[in-house]
Amino acid sequence: MSQGPGREAVLGRWDVTVEGSDGPYPSWFEIREEEGVLTGSFVGRVGSARSFGKVSFEDGKLEFSLPVQYESHPEDMKFTAEVTSGGLAGTTNAEDGSTLRWTALRAPDLKPAAEYQWGEPIPLFNGQDLSGWKPRSPALPNHWVARDGMLVNTEKGSDLVTEDEYRDFRLQLEFQYPEGSNSGIYLRGRYEVQIQDDYGKEPGSLFIGGVYGFVTPTKNAGRKAGEWQSYDITLLGRHITVVLNGEKVIDDQEIPGITGGALDSDEGQPGPIFLQGDHGPVNFRNIRLASATPAR
């Protein structure tokens, strides 16, 4: 009698695409085995990474559930799947109670190369207009304008996305926000480095300097609202280094997976830079990017 696949078939990190009622959207999860028990972490359409503990894999069928975070489900979110030749395929319950289908592919390792060749930094914003950028969502109002050499989001609305895509790079920029505001920088459109009014708080992955929900900075180097601040961010593979206001707060740390709000979950591909505009007003200037290619 043949046996179904073992646990190794579902262990690891998975890039997920859910067929939502308004179109496909990305998600991510990781299944781990700890002392013989399956557990895991999950990132939904929005929000941060969260752990869940109820995982079963029997007779080739994976099942797990977790409580809602920012979702409006009336009950726990439930996922079931079977192993396929290409990865996983299954269903989940939607916020309105309907059933949605989803598929998952193993997330790539994205190990950085031993050495890189660096290109010259290029400006991503010309200081005069929105050339090279586009609104993320036509359904949301676009409040991004070029003003006095700054890229300005005047109020909550659409995110702003570069037309070009990038794989490995060093991104440098300056930013400023009013008291209580919130934004973020999505690298390859998938990994958010937080921008938020967190002056004086203890460091956290959800606060300024952190990779949202995944990587906590060693210190909070954020300044007071209203002051200009700077990011110097290097992303090689899935390893990130973050310098905030001249202080290295993340040093070559691995990003496990996509963060909530990502454009897609296709981690093996290059992606755009996008600036979060759906939370509050923010100004950017002096946005420059230097691409890196593995040295031969």
Protein backbone atom coordinates (compact mmCIF):
# COMPACT_ATOMS: atom_id res chain seq x y z
CA MET A 1 0.00 0.00 0.00
CA SER A 2 1.44 3.40 -1.01
CA GLN A 3 1.95 6.08 1.61
CA GLY A 4 1.25 9.78 1.25
CA PRO A 5 3.97 12.40 1.42
CA GLY A 6 5.78 12.94 4.71
CA ARG A 7 5.99 16.11 6.72
CA GLU A 8 8.98 17.33 4.73
CA ALA A 9 6.54 17.99 1.88
CA VAL A 10 5.00 20.91 3.78
CA LEU A 11 7.84 22.13 5.99
CA GLY A 12 9.43 25.43 5.04
CA ARG A 13 8.39 28.80 3.66
CA TRP A 14 5.63 29.23 1.11
CA ASP A 15 4.72 32.09 -1.23
CA VAL A 16 0.95 32.12 -1.53
CA THR A 17 -1.52 33.54 -4.05
CA VAL A 18 -5.17 33.69 -2.97
CA GLU A 19 -7.90 34.04 -5.59
CA GLY A 20 -9.88 36.78 -3.87
CA SER A 21 -13.30 37.98 -4.91
CA ASP A 22 -11.72 41.25 -6.13
CA GLY A 23 -8.75 39.56 -7.79
CA PRO A 24 -5.67 37.62 -6.65
CA TYR A 25 -3.70 38.82 -3.64
CA PRO A 26 -0.47 37.63 -1.97
CA SER A 27 0.08 35.88 1.33
CA TRP A 28 2.85 33.85 2.96
CA PHE A 29 3.37 31.21 5.61
CA GLU A 30 6.05 29.01 7.11
CA ILE A 31 5.53 25.54 8.58
CA ARG A 32 8.06 24.39 11.19
CA GLU A 33 8.52 21.27 13.29
CA GLU A 34 9.41 21.98 16.91
CA GLU A 35 9.94 19.03 19.24
CA GLY A 36 7.88 16.83 16.95
CA VAL A 37 4.97 19.29 16.74
CA LEU A 38 4.03 21.28 13.66
CA THR A 39 3.66 25.03 14.10
CA GLY A 40 4.06 28.06 11.90
CA SER A 41 3.94 31.75 11.04
CA PHE A 42 1.61 33.58 8.67
CA VAL A 43 1.33 36.88 6.80
CA GLY A 44 -2.02 37.82 5.35
CA ARG A 45 -3.14 40.34 2.78
CA VAL A 46 -2.48 43.08 5.34
CA GLY A 47 -0.88 43.21 8.78
CA SER A 48 2.24 41.69 10.25
CA ALA A 49 3.68 38.22 10.65
CA ARG A 50 1.93 36.22 13.37
CA SER A 51 2.48 32.78 14.83
CA PHE A 52 -0.08 30.04 14.84
CA GLY A 53 0.04 26.72 16.60
CA LYS A 54 -2.75 24.56 15.29
CA VAL A 55 -1.28 22.66 12.33
CA SER A 56 -2.01 19.15 11.19
CA PHE A 57 -0.75 17.13 8.25
CA GLU A 58 -2.36 13.73 7.86
CA ASP A 59 -2.99 11.56 4.81
CA GLY A 60 -1.49 14.21 2.57
CA LYS A 61 -3.80 16.99 3.80
CA LEU A 62 -2.52 20.15 5.49
CA GLU A 63 -4.82 22.07 7.85
CA PHE A 64 -4.20 25.11 10.03
CA SER A 65 -6.17 27.99 11.48
CA LEU A 66 -5.40 31.29 13.17
CA PRO A 67 -7.32 34.18 14.72
CA VAL A 68 -7.94 37.33 12.73
CA GLN A 69 -5.64 40.34 13.00
CA TYR A 70 -6.88 43.22 10.83
CA GLU A 71 -9.24 41.03 8.82
CA SER A 72 -13.00 41.17 9.42
CA HIS A 73 -13.68 37.44 9.45
CA PRO A 74 -16.43 36.53 11.96
CA GLU A 75 -14.40 33.47 12.97
CA ASP A 76 -10.86 32.10 12.75
CA MET A 77 -9.23 31.94 9.36
CA LYS A 78 -9.00 28.32 8.23
CA PHE A 79 -6.69 26.90 5.57
CA THR A 80 -6.68 23.42 4.04
CA ALA A 81 -4.44 22.15 1.26
CA GLU A 82 -3.06 19.13 -0.52
CA VAL A 83 0.42 18.61 -1.89
CA THR A 84 0.60 18.97 -5.67
CA SER A 85 3.39 18.45 -8.19
CA GLY A 86 3.99 22.19 -8.16
CA GLY A 87 3.57 22.93 -4.45
CA LEU A 88 0.34 23.25 -2.49
CA ALA A 89 -3.26 23.95 -3.48
CA GLY A 90 -6.19 24.47 -1.17
CA THR A 91 -9.01 26.64 0.12
CA THR A 92 -9.66 29.21 2.82
CA ASN A 93 -12.71 30.99 4.19
CA ALA A 94 -13.33 34.56 3.02
CA GLU A 95 -14.53 37.42 5.18
CA ASP A 96 -18.05 37.05 3.72
CA GLY A 97 -18.11 33.33 4.46
CA SER A 98 -17.45 32.18 0.90
CA THR A 99 -14.65 29.78 -0.03
CA LEU A 100 -11.53 31.03 -1.79
CA ARG A 101 -8.96 28.91 -3.60
CA TRP A 102 -5.23 29.42 -3.13
CA THR A 103 -1.95 27.99 -4.37
CA ALA A 104 1.54 28.12 -2.90
CA LEU A 105 5.06 27.69 -4.21
CA ARG A 106 8.15 27.13 -2.12
CA ALA A 107 9.79 30.46 -1.33
CA PRO A 108 13.26 30.78 -2.90
CA ASP A 109 16.33 30.90 -0.66
CA LEU A 110 17.61 34.11 -2.30
CA LYS A 111 21.09 33.66 -0.89
CA PRO A 112 23.25 36.70 -1.58
CA ALA A 113 26.25 36.36 -3.86
CA ALA A 114 29.76 36.39 -2.40
CA GLU A 115 30.62 39.61 -4.27
CA TYR A 116 28.71 42.24 -6.21
CA GLN A 117 29.46 44.83 -8.83
CA TRP A 118 27.79 48.14 -8.10
CA GLY A 119 26.32 50.57 -10.57
CA GLU A 120 26.28 54.31 -10.15
CA PRO A 121 23.43 55.70 -8.01
CA ILE A 122 20.57 56.98 -10.16
CA PRO A 123 17.82 59.39 -9.06
CA LEU A 124 14.36 57.82 -8.84
CA PHE A 125 12.70 61.22 -8.45
CA ASN A 126 13.61 64.19 -10.65
CA GLY A 127 12.33 66.78 -8.17
CA GLN A 128 9.90 68.25 -10.71
CA ASP A 129 7.14 65.76 -11.55
CA LEU A 130 6.06 62.14 -11.10
CA SER A 131 7.94 60.78 -14.11
CA GLY A 132 8.89 57.14 -13.46
CA TRP A 133 6.15 56.66 -10.87
CA LYS A 134 2.53 55.54 -10.98
CA PRO A 135 -0.31 55.17 -8.43
CA ARG A 136 -0.73 51.65 -7.14
CA SER A 137 -4.52 51.65 -7.12
CA PRO A 138 -6.84 53.45 -9.56
CA ALA A 139 -9.64 52.86 -7.04
CA LEU A 140 -8.02 55.18 -4.48
CA PRO A 141 -7.46 58.92 -4.85
CA ASN A 142 -3.89 59.85 -5.74
CA HIS A 143 -2.56 62.61 -3.47
CA TRP A 144 1.09 62.42 -4.57
CA VAL A 145 2.56 65.60 -6.08
CA ALA A 146 5.98 67.07 -6.80
CA ARG A 147 6.48 70.26 -4.79
CA ASP A 148 9.59 72.33 -4.06
CA GLY A 149 11.90 69.45 -4.97
CA MET A 150 9.98 67.01 -2.76
CA LEU A 151 7.76 64.02 -3.50
CA VAL A 152 4.75 64.81 -1.31
CA ASN A 153 1.78 62.73 -0.22
CA THR A 154 -0.69 65.30 1.10
CA GLU A 155 -3.20 62.90 2.71
CA LYS A 156 -4.30 59.27 2.81
CA GLY A 157 -4.75 57.76 -0.63
CA SER A 158 -2.99 55.49 -3.09
CA ASP A 159 0.53 54.14 -2.70
CA LEU A 160 3.09 55.25 -5.29
CA VAL A 161 5.08 52.68 -7.28
CA THR A 162 8.14 52.98 -9.53
CA GLU A 163 7.62 51.94 -13.13
CA ASP A 164 11.01 50.18 -13.14
CA GLU A 165 11.85 47.06 -11.16
CA TYR A 166 14.97 46.14 -9.21
CA ARG A 167 16.53 43.03 -7.69
CA ASP A 168 19.58 43.82 -5.54
CA PHE A 169 20.34 47.42 -4.68
CA ARG A 170 21.25 50.17 -2.27
CA LEU A 171 18.46 52.72 -1.75
CA GLN A 172 19.09 56.11 -0.17
CA LEU A 173 16.46 58.74 0.56
CA GLU A 174 15.30 61.40 2.99
CA PHE A 175 11.83 61.64 4.49
CA GLN A 176 9.76 63.85 6.75
CA TYR A 177 6.32 63.43 8.31
CA PRO A 178 3.99 65.36 10.62
CA GLU A 179 3.18 64.22 14.13
CA GLY A 180 1.33 60.90 14.26
CA SER A 181 1.81 60.04 10.59
CA ASN A 182 2.74 56.68 9.08
CA SER A 183 4.24 55.50 5.80
CA GLY A 184 6.69 52.86 4.61
CA ILE A 185 9.08 51.84 1.86
CA TYR A 186 8.41 48.52 0.13
CA LEU A 187 11.51 46.93 -1.38
CA ARG A 188 10.80 44.96 -4.57
CA GLY A 189 7.21 45.81 -3.68
CA ARG A 190 7.27 43.07 -1.01
CA TYR A 191 9.29 43.97 2.11
CA GLU A 192 8.28 47.04 4.10
CA VAL A 193 10.78 49.16 5.99
CA GLN A 194 8.64 51.12 8.42
CA ILE A 195 8.27 54.91 8.53
CA GLN A 196 6.27 56.06 11.54
CA ASP A 197 6.20 58.68 14.28
CA ASP A 198 7.88 56.55 16.97
CA TYR A 199 10.30 59.00 18.56
CA GLY A 200 11.42 57.88 22.03
CA LYS A 201 9.82 54.42 21.90
CA GLU A 202 11.63 51.14 22.46
CA PRO A 203 12.71 49.56 19.15
CA GLY A 204 10.32 47.12 17.53
CA SER A 205 9.75 45.47 14.17
CA LEU A 206 6.51 47.45 13.77
CA PHE A 207 8.25 50.77 14.52
CA ILE A 208 10.55 53.03 12.55
CA GLY A 209 13.73 51.28 11.38
CA GLY A 210 12.13 47.82 11.41
CA VAL A 211 11.21 45.42 8.62
CA TYR A 212 7.53 45.26 9.40
CA GLY A 213 6.69 42.31 11.61
CA PHE A 214 9.95 40.47 10.90
CA VAL A 215 13.18 42.28 11.81
CA THR A 216 13.61 44.46 14.91
CA PRO A 217 16.22 47.23 14.78
CA THR A 218 18.93 47.25 17.44
CA LYS A 219 17.89 50.74 18.51
CA ASN A 220 15.32 53.41 17.74
CA ALA A 221 17.28 56.06 15.85
CA GLY A 222 14.15 57.91 14.73
CA ARG A 223 13.91 61.67 15.14
CA LYS A 224 11.00 63.86 16.19
CA ALA A 225 8.14 64.42 13.77
CA GLY A 226 8.76 67.36 11.45
CA GLU A 227 12.52 66.77 11.22
CA TRP A 228 14.13 65.45 8.05
CA GLN A 229 15.45 61.89 8.43
CA SER A 230 17.39 59.52 6.18
CA TYR A 231 17.40 55.86 5.20
CA ASP A 232 20.30 54.00 3.62
CA ILE A 233 18.99 50.51 2.82
CA THR A 234 20.87 47.66 1.15
CA LEU A 235 18.93 44.58 -0.04
CA LEU A 236 20.92 41.61 -1.38
CA GLY A 237 18.88 38.45 -1.87
CA ARG A 238 16.66 38.49 1.19
CA HIS A 239 19.38 39.99 3.42
CA ILE A 240 18.93 43.58 4.48
CA THR A 241 21.04 46.27 6.11
CA VAL A 242 19.32 49.44 7.33
CA VAL A 243 21.04 52.68 8.33
CA LEU A 244 18.62 55.17 9.90
CA ASN A 245 19.86 58.73 10.38
CA GLY A 246 23.45 57.58 10.08
CA GLU A 247 23.13 54.71 12.58
CA LYS A 248 23.20 51.07 11.46
CA VAL A 249 20.11 49.56 13.09
CA ILE A 250 19.83 46.33 11.05
CA ASP A 251 23.01 44.57 9.93
CA ASP A 252 22.74 41.90 7.21
CA GLN A 253 19.61 40.24 8.59
CA GLU A 254 17.41 37.80 6.69
CA ILE A 255 13.83 38.76 5.80
CA PRO A 256 11.82 35.52 6.08
CA GLY A 257 8.99 36.50 3.74
CA ILE A 258 6.74 39.19 2.32
CA THR A 259 5.08 41.72 4.59
CA GLY A 260 1.38 42.60 4.59
CA GLY A 261 0.40 44.97 1.81
CA ALA A 262 2.90 43.49 -0.67
CA LEU A 263 2.20 43.77 -4.38
CA ASP A 264 2.75 40.05 -4.94
CA SER A 265 4.43 36.99 -3.44
CA ASP A 266 6.72 36.16 -6.37
CA GLU A 267 9.88 36.54 -4.30
CA GLY A 268 12.24 35.20 -6.94
CA GLN A 269 11.57 38.13 -9.26
CA PRO A 270 12.72 41.75 -9.21
CA GLY A 271 10.14 44.31 -8.17
CA PRO A 272 9.53 48.04 -7.84
CA ILE A 273 10.08 50.43 -5.00
CA PHE A 274 6.79 51.65 -3.61
CA LEU A 275 6.04 54.34 -1.09
CA GLN A 276 3.09 53.82 1.21
CA GLY A 277 0.49 56.55 0.89
CA ASP A 278 -2.62 54.97 2.41
CA HIS A 279 -1.78 55.86 6.04
CA GLY A 280 -0.94 59.55 6.14
CA PRO A 281 1.00 62.52 4.79
CA VAL A 282 4.74 62.20 4.17
CA ASN A 283 7.48 63.97 2.17
CA PHE A 284 10.44 62.38 0.37
CA ARG A 285 13.47 63.86 -1.36
CA ASN A 286 16.89 62.87 -2.72
CA ILE A 287 15.76 59.35 -3.68
CA ARG A 288 18.66 57.44 -5.24
CA LEU A 289 19.23 53.77 -6.09
CA ALA A 290 22.40 51.90 -7.03
CA SER A 291 21.83 48.43 -8.52
CA ALA A 292 24.04 45.48 -7.67
CA THR A 293 24.83 42.49 -9.90
CA PRO A 294 26.69 39.35 -8.79
CA ALA A 295 30.35 39.50 -9.70
CA ARG A 296 31.44 36.84 -12.16
